[in-house]
Protein backbone atom coordinates (compact mmCIF):
# COMPACT_ATOMS: atom_id res chain seq x y z
CA MET A 1 -34.89 -56.00 -130.14
CA GLY A 2 -35.75 -52.51 -131.38
CA PHE A 3 -33.30 -49.64 -131.39
CA SER A 4 -34.35 -46.36 -129.83
CA LEU A 5 -32.42 -43.24 -130.81
CA LEU A 6 -33.60 -41.56 -127.59
CA LYS A 7 -31.66 -44.12 -125.55
CA THR A 8 -28.30 -43.27 -127.11
CA ARG A 9 -25.70 -41.33 -125.12
CA PHE A 10 -25.83 -38.46 -127.62
CA ALA A 11 -29.61 -38.10 -127.30
CA GLN A 12 -29.50 -38.36 -123.51
CA GLU A 13 -26.83 -35.66 -123.34
CA ALA A 14 -28.75 -33.37 -125.68
CA LEU A 15 -32.04 -33.82 -123.87
CA GLY A 16 -30.45 -33.41 -120.45
CA ARG A 17 -28.59 -30.23 -121.39
CA SER A 18 -31.75 -28.80 -122.95
CA LEU A 19 -33.77 -29.58 -119.82
CA ALA A 20 -31.14 -27.94 -117.60
CA TRP A 21 -31.15 -24.83 -119.81
CA TYR A 22 -34.93 -24.67 -119.64
CA LEU A 23 -35.02 -25.09 -115.86
CA ARG A 24 -32.52 -22.24 -115.44
CA LEU A 25 -34.84 -20.08 -117.55
CA VAL A 26 -37.83 -20.99 -115.38
CA ARG A 27 -35.87 -20.29 -112.20
CA ARG A 28 -34.69 -16.88 -113.41
CA THR A 29 -38.09 -15.71 -114.66
CA ASN A 30 -40.26 -16.74 -111.70
CA ARG A 31 -40.51 -14.73 -108.47
CA PHE A 32 -40.11 -17.30 -105.72
CA VAL A 33 -41.17 -17.00 -102.11
CA ILE A 34 -39.42 -19.32 -99.64
CA GLU A 35 -41.09 -20.54 -96.48
CA PRO A 36 -39.81 -20.44 -93.81
CA ALA A 37 -37.86 -17.42 -95.04
CA ASP A 38 -34.79 -18.31 -92.96
CA VAL A 39 -34.94 -22.04 -93.63
CA TYR A 40 -31.49 -22.32 -95.24
CA GLU A 41 -29.74 -20.77 -92.28
CA ARG A 42 -31.77 -22.97 -89.95
CA VAL A 43 -30.78 -26.20 -91.68
CA ARG A 44 -27.06 -25.44 -92.01
CA PRO A 45 -26.23 -27.05 -88.63
CA GLU A 46 -28.15 -30.19 -89.70
CA LEU A 47 -26.20 -30.84 -92.90
CA PRO A 48 -26.16 -33.17 -94.67
CA LEU A 49 -29.91 -33.67 -95.05
CA ILE A 50 -32.24 -36.14 -96.69
CA ILE A 51 -34.66 -34.20 -98.90
CA ALA A 52 -38.02 -35.88 -99.51
CA MET A 53 -40.20 -35.07 -102.50
CA TRP A 54 -43.26 -36.56 -104.13
CA HIS A 55 -42.94 -38.33 -107.47
CA GLY A 56 -43.89 -35.97 -110.26
CA GLN A 57 -42.34 -32.97 -108.52
CA HIS A 58 -38.75 -34.06 -109.17
CA ILE A 59 -38.34 -31.77 -112.17
CA MET A 60 -38.73 -28.68 -110.00
CA ILE A 61 -36.80 -29.72 -106.91
CA PRO A 62 -33.36 -28.46 -108.11
CA PHE A 63 -34.68 -24.91 -107.57
CA ALA A 64 -34.64 -25.55 -103.82
CA ARG A 65 -30.89 -26.21 -103.58
CA PRO A 66 -28.72 -23.23 -102.63
CA ASP A 67 -25.34 -23.11 -104.38
CA TRP A 68 -23.43 -23.82 -101.17
CA MET A 69 -25.25 -27.12 -100.49
CA PRO A 70 -23.60 -30.16 -102.16
CA ALA A 71 -26.36 -32.56 -103.16
CA CYS A 72 -26.98 -35.83 -104.95
CA SER A 73 -30.23 -37.35 -106.18
CA LEU A 74 -31.48 -40.90 -106.65
CA VAL A 75 -32.42 -41.30 -110.32
CA SER A 76 -34.21 -44.24 -111.91
CA ARG A 77 -32.25 -46.63 -114.11
CA HIS A 78 -35.11 -46.71 -116.57
CA GLY A 79 -37.25 -44.40 -118.69
CA ASP A 80 -36.25 -40.76 -118.45
CA GLY A 81 -33.55 -41.43 -115.84
CA GLY A 82 -30.69 -40.98 -118.31
CA PHE A 83 -31.39 -37.43 -119.41
CA ASN A 84 -32.59 -36.48 -115.92
CA ALA A 85 -29.15 -37.47 -114.61
CA VAL A 86 -27.50 -35.30 -117.27
CA ALA A 87 -29.75 -32.36 -116.38
CA LEU A 88 -28.89 -32.74 -112.70
CA ARG A 89 -25.18 -32.80 -113.54
CA GLU A 90 -25.54 -29.58 -115.51
CA LEU A 91 -27.30 -28.02 -112.52
CA GLY A 92 -24.52 -29.05 -110.14
CA ILE A 93 -26.28 -32.03 -108.56
CA GLY A 94 -24.88 -35.56 -108.53
CA ALA A 95 -26.89 -38.63 -109.48
CA ILE A 96 -27.06 -42.18 -108.18
CA ARG A 97 -28.77 -44.53 -110.61
CA GLY A 98 -31.01 -46.97 -108.81
CA SER A 99 -34.53 -48.24 -108.44
CA GLY A 100 -37.15 -46.48 -106.39
CA ALA A 101 -38.25 -49.87 -105.05
CA MET A 102 -36.69 -49.43 -101.66
CA GLY A 103 -37.67 -50.76 -98.24
CA LYS A 104 -38.83 -54.37 -98.43
CA LYS A 105 -37.57 -54.61 -102.03
CA VAL A 106 -34.20 -53.04 -101.28
CA ARG A 107 -32.32 -56.03 -102.73
CA GLU A 108 -34.27 -56.03 -105.99
CA LYS A 109 -33.62 -53.98 -109.13
CA GLY A 110 -30.34 -52.53 -107.91
CA GLY A 111 -31.84 -51.16 -104.71
CA ALA A 112 -29.09 -52.41 -102.40
CA PRO A 113 -26.16 -50.84 -104.31
CA ALA A 114 -28.08 -47.57 -104.58
CA PHE A 115 -28.78 -47.60 -100.83
CA LEU A 116 -25.10 -48.12 -100.04
CA ALA A 117 -24.12 -45.38 -102.50
CA MET A 118 -26.51 -42.98 -100.79
CA MET A 119 -25.02 -43.86 -97.42
CA ARG A 120 -21.54 -43.08 -98.77
CA ARG A 121 -22.64 -39.73 -100.19
CA LEU A 122 -24.26 -38.74 -96.90
CA ALA A 123 -21.14 -39.76 -95.00
CA ALA A 124 -19.13 -37.54 -97.37
CA GLY A 125 -21.33 -34.56 -96.50
CA GLU A 126 -23.67 -34.50 -99.50
CA THR A 127 -27.39 -33.96 -99.04
CA MET A 128 -29.45 -36.75 -100.62
CA VAL A 129 -32.59 -35.98 -102.60
CA LEU A 130 -35.10 -38.72 -103.36
CA THR A 131 -38.78 -39.38 -103.92
CA ALA A 132 -40.61 -40.66 -100.86
CA ASP A 133 -43.19 -42.60 -102.86
CA ILE A 134 -42.32 -45.44 -105.20
CA PRO A 135 -43.55 -45.88 -108.79
CA LYS A 136 -47.29 -46.43 -109.31
CA ARG A 137 -48.10 -45.72 -105.63
CA ALA A 138 -48.36 -41.95 -105.78
CA ARG A 139 -48.36 -40.00 -102.52
CA VAL A 140 -47.80 -43.11 -100.39
CA CYS A 141 -44.50 -42.77 -98.56
CA GLY A 142 -42.42 -45.91 -98.82
CA ALA A 143 -40.17 -47.42 -96.17
CA GLY A 144 -36.95 -46.72 -98.09
CA ILE A 145 -36.44 -43.09 -97.15
CA VAL A 146 -37.06 -43.91 -93.49
CA ALA A 147 -34.57 -46.79 -93.67
CA LEU A 148 -31.99 -44.38 -95.09
CA ALA A 149 -32.58 -41.90 -92.28
CA ARG A 150 -32.35 -44.66 -89.67
CA ALA A 151 -29.12 -46.08 -91.07
CA SER A 152 -27.42 -42.70 -91.63
CA GLY A 153 -28.74 -40.74 -88.66
CA ARG A 154 -29.59 -37.81 -90.97
CA PRO A 155 -32.89 -35.84 -90.75
CA ILE A 156 -35.55 -35.91 -93.46
CA HIS A 157 -37.01 -32.61 -94.67
CA PRO A 158 -40.15 -32.68 -96.87
CA ILE A 159 -40.01 -30.12 -99.70
CA ALA A 160 -42.43 -28.75 -102.27
CA VAL A 161 -41.48 -26.52 -105.23
CA VAL A 162 -44.33 -25.20 -107.39
CA THR A 163 -45.01 -22.42 -109.90
CA SER A 164 -48.16 -20.55 -110.82
CA ARG A 165 -47.60 -21.11 -114.54
CA ARG A 166 -46.96 -24.76 -115.27
CA ILE A 167 -47.96 -27.85 -117.21
CA ASP A 168 -49.67 -30.56 -115.16
CA PHE A 169 -49.50 -33.96 -116.85
CA ASN A 170 -52.25 -36.55 -116.59
CA SER A 171 -49.77 -39.18 -115.40
CA TRP A 172 -50.04 -41.59 -112.48
CA ASP A 173 -48.09 -39.12 -110.31
CA ARG A 174 -49.58 -35.90 -111.77
CA ALA A 175 -46.12 -34.68 -112.76
CA SER A 176 -45.67 -30.92 -113.19
CA ILE A 177 -43.14 -28.74 -114.97
CA GLY A 178 -42.99 -24.99 -114.45
CA LEU A 179 -43.31 -22.38 -117.16
CA PRO A 180 -41.42 -19.06 -117.31
CA PHE A 181 -42.69 -15.67 -116.16
CA GLY A 182 -44.80 -16.52 -113.16
CA ARG A 183 -44.68 -16.85 -109.39
CA GLY A 184 -43.23 -19.73 -107.42
CA ALA A 185 -43.15 -21.13 -103.91
CA ILE A 186 -40.59 -23.28 -102.12
CA VAL A 187 -41.87 -24.74 -98.85
CA VAL A 188 -39.66 -26.79 -96.52
CA GLY A 189 -41.31 -28.90 -93.82
CA GLU A 190 -40.13 -29.69 -90.33
CA ALA A 191 -37.44 -32.33 -89.93
CA VAL A 192 -38.36 -35.96 -89.31
CA THR A 193 -35.64 -37.83 -87.44
CA VAL A 194 -35.26 -41.59 -87.00
CA ALA A 195 -33.02 -43.02 -84.29
CA ARG A 196 -30.60 -45.73 -85.31
CA ASP A 197 -32.21 -48.11 -82.80
CA ALA A 198 -35.79 -47.26 -83.84
CA ASP A 199 -38.16 -50.23 -83.78
CA GLU A 200 -40.75 -51.11 -86.41
CA ALA A 201 -43.51 -49.04 -84.81
CA THR A 202 -41.28 -45.98 -84.57
CA CYS A 203 -40.22 -46.32 -88.21
CA GLU A 204 -43.86 -46.58 -89.26
CA ALA A 205 -44.65 -43.41 -87.30
CA ALA A 206 -41.76 -41.67 -89.08
CA ARG A 207 -43.03 -42.87 -92.46
CA LEU A 208 -46.45 -41.39 -91.73
CA ALA A 209 -44.82 -38.17 -90.51
CA VAL A 210 -42.89 -37.78 -93.78
CA GLN A 211 -46.08 -38.47 -95.73
CA ALA A 212 -48.03 -35.88 -93.74
CA GLY A 213 -45.16 -33.40 -94.00
CA LEU A 214 -45.07 -33.69 -97.78
CA ASP A 215 -48.85 -33.30 -98.01
CA ALA A 216 -48.70 -30.18 -95.84
CA ALA A 217 -45.75 -28.68 -97.75
CA HIS A 218 -47.51 -29.12 -101.09
CA GLU A 219 -50.83 -27.79 -99.80
CA ARG A 220 -49.08 -24.70 -98.45
CA ALA A 221 -46.93 -24.17 -101.55
CA TYR A 222 -49.92 -24.28 -103.88
CA ALA A 223 -51.87 -21.99 -101.55
CA LEU A 224 -49.06 -19.43 -101.76
CA ILE A 225 -49.49 -19.24 -105.54
CA GLY A 226 -53.28 -19.36 -105.40
CA ALA A 227 -53.68 -22.86 -106.83
CA ARG A 228 -54.66 -26.37 -105.82
CA ASP A 229 -52.30 -29.33 -105.78
CA PRO A 230 -53.19 -31.48 -108.83
CA GLY A 231 -51.93 -34.54 -106.97
CA ALA A 232 -54.10 -34.02 -103.90
CA GLY A 233 -56.36 -37.02 -103.36
CA LEU A 234 -54.29 -39.50 -105.37
CA ARG A 235 -53.57 -41.62 -102.29
CA GLU A 236 -57.22 -41.76 -101.28
CA ALA A 237 -58.35 -42.52 -104.82
CA ALA A 238 -55.88 -45.41 -105.05
CA ALA A 239 -57.02 -46.78 -101.68
CA ALA A 240 -60.67 -46.61 -102.76
CA LYS A 241 -59.81 -48.41 -106.01
CA ASP A 242 -57.93 -51.12 -104.13
CA ALA A 243 -60.86 -51.56 -101.75
CA ALA A 244 -63.32 -51.83 -104.65
CA THR A 245 -61.10 -54.39 -106.39
CA ALA A 246 -60.80 -56.44 -103.20
CA ALA A 247 -64.55 -56.32 -102.67
CA ALA A 248 -65.21 -57.42 -106.24
CA LYS A 249 -62.83 -60.37 -105.85
CA ALA A 250 -64.45 -61.34 -102.57
CA ALA A 251 -67.89 -61.27 -104.18
CA THR A 252 -66.80 -63.47 -107.09
CA PRO A 253 -68.00 -67.09 -106.58
């Protein structure tokens, strides 16, 4: 088994602290517009919240948290999860290490303990921040975030945080990281609520509502900075690819 220096505690701490320092720089040097302008006062009576974001936008989401809002984020156990957790800590946000494979796979890959930990944090008054889509299925809202809302009784708010100057990566989720000295937009969508006794059809409607809310928030945020969402169309492209693969298999003798 190979040894990776980047996986050591020292490296994770150094990378995480550096990322937090850089994000503070980006936040201070960008002029952000918030929409709705009074959103933070509007959501105070709803606290704690469940904040939904798309994969690939997680680097920028800390900008959306006001200092008075205690928050915790679900962070992957693998890959860059270690230094992301350190960066969140430095930015005043807690971290729960767990898999993004929620919903039907909630018992796999540590999903169940992470789900229970999120429930405890919400019960303690902390807002939970997590990606709505799961790895390799970009811009497709999974069932996990809806299950969390149903079990906790807390509302889901879709959020987009974007900057005019940024690096867009050619990754499966079209991840972005902002650059200093530009303009930014923080857009918060309308709440999606899920009753504790919601049936399967109602939960599916809520899942689609979160998905549509995130799409709308990102479209609006990028419009505010005069840009186009680099992740727009990923869901449709994946569906078309799946359909083509299925058709090819069906045509194979």
